[in-house]
Amino acid sequence: MDETRAREVLTAAGLPADGELLALGENAVLAAGDAVVKVGRDKELLARAERELAIGAWLAEAGVPAVRPAAPEARLVECHPVTLWQRLPDAVRPAEPEDLADLLRLVHALPEPDFALPRRELLGGVERWLRLAGDAIDPADAAFLRARRDGFAEASAELVPHLPPGPIHGDALPRNVQVGPEGPVLMDLETFSSDLREHDLVVMALSRDRYGLGWEGYQPFIAAYGWDVRDWEGCEVLRGARETASCAWVAQHAPTNPKAREEFVRRVRSLRDDIPDVRWYPF
């Protein structure tokens, strides 16, 4: 789904379609007056969109600073799930790793909600992303990622956690935090799960290894959270699983984005050659 299609869906939904495009990834996120509209890629994501709204309401009740729903239900419009969210005030500064750590401590202290959270199926989207990539990627690369997925899925099932399992964000990066006038706010709730808390911490460890986060950024994160996941013997397994998923995620953009194709090839090559510090670039 591209920006044009997202705006067509908004028009079909009777919503303003001329607002600013805020993000384009798994969802298209656009401003619509005082609200923000998320348009999902396909109808398979409707249940996840409905759960994301429930999570937003639950976090509000728990007092966790996070985005809040502007409407209680998701709509399926021309096979795309559409949800409305309250628009956040403009950021007063970029989010720092320690802002994320503070929010994760709040989330990781929460008990289970009164509705079921899924497991963090980190590798669950790999097949769909590779299918969306189609002929834009080498079939041998797709087969390689499927084999990695299967191996890390089996290894992940055997992990013994250091932290008590429970609610997690699932994609814990500073880009999913906005710092407004009243402080940091957690965004992008679609991957909220109930699983190993270590999932949320491995993300930043991988950022240090793959995405150019220096020690000066990583150290405040572990200081604010109070523990370094790299000291856990299961860290490399979760890291490998996330690398596999992140590589496949980029593949879905390859048919329409030459830079995504280049990045996909870079990532696959580094995994094939087992070079853990080749720089990856975010999408």
Protein backbone atom coordinates (compact mmCIF):
# COMPACT_ATOMS: atom_id res chain seq x y z
CA MET A 1 0.00 0.00 0.00
CA ASP A 2 1.32 3.44 -0.96
CA GLU A 3 0.34 6.94 0.07
CA THR A 4 -2.09 7.34 -2.83
CA ARG A 5 -3.99 4.20 -1.87
CA ALA A 6 -4.13 5.28 1.78
CA ARG A 7 -5.69 8.59 0.83
CA GLU A 8 -8.23 6.78 -1.37
CA VAL A 9 -9.23 4.67 1.64
CA LEU A 10 -9.68 7.78 3.78
CA THR A 11 -11.93 9.30 1.14
CA ALA A 12 -13.99 6.10 1.00
CA ALA A 13 -14.26 6.23 4.81
CA GLY A 14 -15.59 9.80 4.69
CA LEU A 15 -12.50 11.18 6.40
CA PRO A 16 -10.29 14.12 5.37
CA ALA A 17 -7.72 12.79 2.93
CA ASP A 18 -5.49 15.84 2.52
CA GLY A 19 -3.66 15.68 5.85
CA GLU A 20 0.06 15.23 6.38
CA LEU A 21 1.51 11.75 5.87
CA LEU A 22 3.16 10.98 9.22
CA ALA A 23 4.48 7.49 8.55
CA LEU A 24 4.33 4.77 5.89
CA GLY A 25 5.26 1.24 6.89
CA GLU A 26 3.09 -1.62 8.06
CA ASN A 27 0.39 1.07 8.26
CA ALA A 28 -0.07 4.41 6.59
CA VAL A 29 -0.47 7.07 9.29
CA LEU A 30 -2.02 10.37 8.29
CA ALA A 31 -3.23 13.48 10.10
CA ALA A 32 -6.97 14.10 9.83
CA GLY A 33 -7.92 17.28 11.63
CA ASP A 34 -7.56 16.75 15.39
CA ALA A 35 -7.13 12.99 14.90
CA VAL A 36 -4.58 10.63 13.42
CA VAL A 37 -5.77 7.85 11.12
CA LYS A 38 -3.98 4.53 10.71
CA VAL A 39 -4.74 2.57 7.54
CA GLY A 40 -3.65 -1.08 7.64
CA ARG A 41 -2.07 -2.79 4.67
CA ASP A 42 -4.76 -5.48 4.26
CA LYS A 43 -7.81 -7.03 5.90
CA GLU A 44 -5.67 -9.66 7.64
CA LEU A 45 -4.65 -6.91 10.08
CA LEU A 46 -8.19 -6.05 11.23
CA ALA A 47 -8.02 -8.14 14.42
CA ARG A 48 -4.69 -6.57 15.30
CA ALA A 49 -6.12 -3.09 14.75
CA GLU A 50 -9.04 -3.88 17.06
CA ARG A 51 -6.65 -5.18 19.71
CA GLU A 52 -4.48 -2.08 19.40
CA LEU A 53 -7.46 0.08 20.29
CA ALA A 54 -8.15 -2.09 23.34
CA ILE A 55 -4.50 -1.77 24.38
CA GLY A 56 -4.67 2.02 24.08
CA ALA A 57 -7.71 2.13 26.36
CA TRP A 58 -6.07 -0.26 28.84
CA LEU A 59 -2.88 1.82 29.03
CA ALA A 60 -4.98 4.92 29.64
CA GLU A 61 -6.69 3.21 32.59
CA ALA A 62 -3.29 2.12 33.92
CA GLY A 63 -1.90 5.65 33.70
CA VAL A 64 0.87 4.76 31.23
CA PRO A 65 1.64 7.72 28.94
CA ALA A 66 0.68 6.39 25.51
CA VAL A 67 -1.38 7.31 22.47
CA ARG A 68 -5.13 7.24 23.11
CA PRO A 69 -7.91 6.02 20.79
CA ALA A 70 -10.17 8.69 19.32
CA ALA A 71 -12.83 6.13 18.37
CA PRO A 72 -13.47 2.79 20.12
CA GLU A 73 -13.79 0.53 17.07
CA ALA A 74 -11.84 -0.29 13.92
CA ARG A 75 -13.51 -0.06 10.52
CA LEU A 76 -12.82 -2.20 7.47
CA VAL A 77 -12.85 0.11 4.46
CA GLU A 78 -12.21 -1.38 1.03
CA CYS A 79 -10.34 -4.28 2.68
CA HIS A 80 -8.17 -1.98 4.83
CA PRO A 81 -8.55 -1.64 8.62
CA VAL A 82 -8.94 2.00 9.67
CA THR A 83 -8.49 3.28 13.24
CA LEU A 84 -8.64 6.79 14.72
CA TRP A 85 -6.30 8.11 17.40
CA GLN A 86 -5.98 11.34 19.34
CA ARG A 87 -3.33 13.55 17.84
CA LEU A 88 -0.35 14.20 20.09
CA PRO A 89 1.04 17.70 20.65
CA ASP A 90 4.13 18.53 18.64
CA ALA A 91 7.36 17.12 20.00
CA VAL A 92 9.48 19.47 22.07
CA ARG A 93 12.65 17.46 21.49
CA PRO A 94 13.75 14.12 20.00
CA ALA A 95 13.15 11.04 22.13
CA GLU A 96 16.27 9.65 23.81
CA PRO A 97 16.99 6.02 24.73
CA GLU A 98 16.47 6.78 28.41
CA ASP A 99 12.96 8.10 27.65
CA LEU A 100 12.15 4.72 26.14
CA ALA A 101 13.67 2.90 29.13
CA ASP A 102 11.51 4.83 31.58
CA LEU A 103 8.35 3.92 29.64
CA LEU A 104 9.39 0.28 29.39
CA ARG A 105 9.81 0.09 33.15
CA LEU A 106 6.18 1.21 33.49
CA VAL A 107 4.96 -1.30 30.91
CA HIS A 108 7.00 -4.14 32.39
CA ALA A 109 5.46 -3.48 35.81
CA LEU A 110 1.92 -3.99 34.49
CA PRO A 111 -0.12 -7.12 35.23
CA GLU A 112 -1.99 -8.83 32.42
CA PRO A 113 -5.04 -6.94 31.11
CA ASP A 114 -8.53 -8.42 31.28
CA PHE A 115 -8.30 -9.36 27.60
CA ALA A 116 -5.84 -11.73 25.99
CA LEU A 117 -2.57 -10.39 24.66
CA PRO A 118 -0.88 -12.56 22.03
CA ARG A 119 2.61 -13.95 22.27
CA ARG A 120 5.24 -11.84 20.55
CA GLU A 121 5.26 -13.67 17.25
CA LEU A 122 8.40 -11.91 16.14
CA LEU A 123 8.78 -14.24 13.18
CA GLY A 124 5.10 -14.55 12.42
CA GLY A 125 5.10 -11.91 9.68
CA VAL A 126 8.06 -13.32 7.75
CA GLU A 127 5.99 -15.39 5.32
CA ARG A 128 3.58 -12.55 4.56
CA TRP A 129 6.40 -10.03 4.02
CA LEU A 130 8.24 -12.40 1.69
CA ARG A 131 5.02 -13.09 -0.19
CA LEU A 132 4.46 -9.35 -0.65
CA ALA A 133 8.03 -9.02 -1.96
CA GLY A 134 7.26 -11.45 -4.76
CA ASP A 135 9.70 -11.45 -7.67
CA ALA A 136 11.45 -8.31 -6.42
CA ILE A 137 13.79 -10.44 -4.31
CA ASP A 138 15.93 -13.47 -5.13
CA PRO A 139 14.04 -16.72 -4.35
CA ALA A 140 17.25 -18.07 -2.79
CA ASP A 141 17.26 -15.17 -0.33
CA ALA A 142 13.64 -15.85 0.56
CA ALA A 143 14.44 -19.52 1.16
CA PHE A 144 17.41 -18.53 3.31
CA LEU A 145 15.23 -16.33 5.52
CA ARG A 146 12.57 -19.04 5.85
CA ALA A 147 15.22 -21.48 7.06
CA ARG A 148 16.54 -18.92 9.56
CA ARG A 149 12.99 -18.27 10.74
CA ASP A 150 12.40 -21.94 11.44
CA GLY A 151 15.69 -22.35 13.28
CA PHE A 152 15.27 -19.32 15.51
CA ALA A 153 11.63 -20.13 16.21
CA GLU A 154 12.70 -23.50 17.59
CA ALA A 155 15.57 -22.01 19.61
CA SER A 156 13.37 -19.21 21.01
CA ALA A 157 10.88 -21.74 22.35
CA GLU A 158 13.62 -23.16 24.60
CA LEU A 159 14.74 -19.88 26.19
CA VAL A 160 14.74 -19.45 29.97
CA PRO A 161 14.00 -15.78 30.79
CA HIS A 162 15.84 -13.66 33.33
CA LEU A 163 12.88 -11.30 33.84
CA PRO A 164 9.30 -12.29 34.74
CA PRO A 165 7.29 -12.58 31.49
CA GLY A 166 4.32 -10.29 30.93
CA PRO A 167 3.13 -7.33 28.84
CA ILE A 168 5.68 -5.86 26.45
CA HIS A 169 5.66 -3.20 23.75
CA GLY A 170 7.21 -5.50 21.15
CA ASP A 171 8.97 -2.86 19.02
CA ALA A 172 10.73 -0.81 21.65
CA LEU A 173 12.65 1.93 19.86
CA PRO A 174 12.99 5.67 20.53
CA ARG A 175 11.21 6.32 17.23
CA ASN A 176 8.09 4.90 18.91
CA VAL A 177 8.27 7.54 21.64
CA GLN A 178 7.26 11.17 21.27
CA VAL A 179 8.31 13.73 23.85
CA GLY A 180 5.61 16.37 24.17
CA PRO A 181 5.07 19.22 26.63
CA GLU A 182 4.07 16.75 29.37
CA GLY A 183 6.88 14.27 28.74
CA PRO A 184 7.52 11.05 26.79
CA VAL A 185 4.54 9.19 25.29
CA LEU A 186 4.59 5.64 23.91
CA MET A 187 3.32 5.17 20.35
CA ASP A 188 2.69 2.33 17.86
CA LEU A 189 0.94 -0.18 20.09
CA GLU A 190 0.26 -2.78 17.39
CA THR A 191 2.97 -5.18 18.56
CA PHE A 192 1.96 -5.16 22.25
CA SER A 193 2.19 -8.73 23.51
CA SER A 194 2.59 -10.90 26.56
CA ASP A 195 5.93 -12.62 26.39
CA LEU A 196 9.56 -12.42 27.51
CA ARG A 197 10.34 -8.88 28.67
CA GLU A 198 13.75 -9.43 27.10
CA HIS A 199 12.16 -8.91 23.67
CA ASP A 200 11.87 -5.19 24.42
CA LEU A 201 15.49 -4.91 25.51
CA VAL A 202 17.09 -6.85 22.66
CA VAL A 203 15.78 -4.21 20.25
CA MET A 204 18.12 -1.59 21.65
CA ALA A 205 21.04 -4.02 21.86
CA LEU A 206 20.55 -4.69 18.15
CA SER A 207 20.39 -0.94 17.51
CA ARG A 208 23.83 -0.67 19.04
CA ASP A 209 25.21 -3.43 16.80
CA ARG A 210 23.39 -2.75 13.52
CA TYR A 211 21.91 0.75 13.39
CA GLY A 212 24.72 2.98 14.58
CA LEU A 213 23.67 3.59 18.19
CA GLY A 214 26.88 4.32 20.06
CA TRP A 215 27.76 3.47 23.64
CA GLU A 216 26.87 7.04 24.57
CA GLY A 217 23.28 6.21 23.58
CA TYR A 218 23.11 2.62 24.81
CA GLN A 219 24.61 3.20 28.25
CA PRO A 220 21.90 5.69 29.37
CA PHE A 221 19.28 3.18 28.22
CA ILE A 222 20.61 0.34 30.38
CA ALA A 223 21.23 2.74 33.28
CA ALA A 224 17.62 3.96 33.16
CA TYR A 225 16.18 0.46 32.80
CA GLY A 226 18.53 -1.11 35.35
CA TRP A 227 19.80 -4.15 33.43
CA ASP A 228 21.74 -4.98 30.27
CA VAL A 229 20.08 -7.79 28.29
CA ARG A 230 23.44 -8.64 26.72
CA ASP A 231 24.33 -10.27 30.05
CA TRP A 232 21.58 -12.85 29.43
CA GLU A 233 22.57 -16.07 27.69
CA GLY A 234 19.46 -15.99 25.49
CA CYS A 235 20.27 -12.60 24.00
CA GLU A 236 21.86 -13.92 20.81
CA VAL A 237 18.85 -16.09 20.03
CA LEU A 238 16.38 -13.21 20.29
CA ARG A 239 18.78 -10.98 18.40
CA GLY A 240 18.99 -13.50 15.56
CA ALA A 241 15.23 -13.84 15.43
CA ARG A 242 14.76 -10.09 15.27
CA GLU A 243 17.41 -9.70 12.57
CA THR A 244 15.58 -12.29 10.49
CA ALA A 245 12.25 -10.54 10.94
CA SER A 246 13.73 -7.10 10.25
CA CYS A 247 15.30 -8.33 7.03
CA ALA A 248 12.02 -9.86 5.80
CA TRP A 249 10.11 -6.72 6.80
CA VAL A 250 12.19 -4.63 4.40
CA ALA A 251 11.48 -7.14 1.62
CA GLN A 252 7.81 -6.16 1.42
CA HIS A 253 8.82 -2.68 0.25
CA ALA A 254 11.16 -3.98 -2.45
CA PRO A 255 8.60 -4.07 -5.32
CA THR A 256 8.08 -0.30 -5.22
CA ASN A 257 11.21 1.06 -3.55
CA PRO A 258 14.69 0.54 -5.09
CA LYS A 259 16.37 1.67 -1.86
CA ALA A 260 14.48 -1.05 0.01
CA ARG A 261 15.77 -3.62 -2.47
CA GLU A 262 19.33 -2.41 -1.90
CA GLU A 263 18.89 -2.53 1.87
CA PHE A 264 17.38 -6.00 1.70
CA VAL A 265 20.38 -7.30 -0.27
CA ARG A 266 22.78 -5.67 2.24
CA ARG A 267 21.01 -7.27 5.17
CA VAL A 268 20.79 -10.74 3.65
CA ARG A 269 24.45 -10.67 2.66
CA SER A 270 25.52 -9.74 6.19
CA LEU A 271 23.44 -12.60 7.61
CA ARG A 272 24.76 -15.10 5.08
CA ASP A 273 28.35 -14.03 5.80
CA ASP A 274 27.68 -13.98 9.56
CA ILE A 275 29.06 -10.47 10.01
CA PRO A 276 27.19 -9.10 13.05
CA ASP A 277 28.27 -5.46 12.82
CA VAL A 278 27.50 -4.59 9.20
CA ARG A 279 25.56 -1.32 9.37
CA TRP A 280 21.85 -1.56 8.52
CA TYR A 281 19.73 1.46 7.66
CA PRO A 282 16.16 1.87 8.94
CA PHE A 283 13.02 2.11 6.83
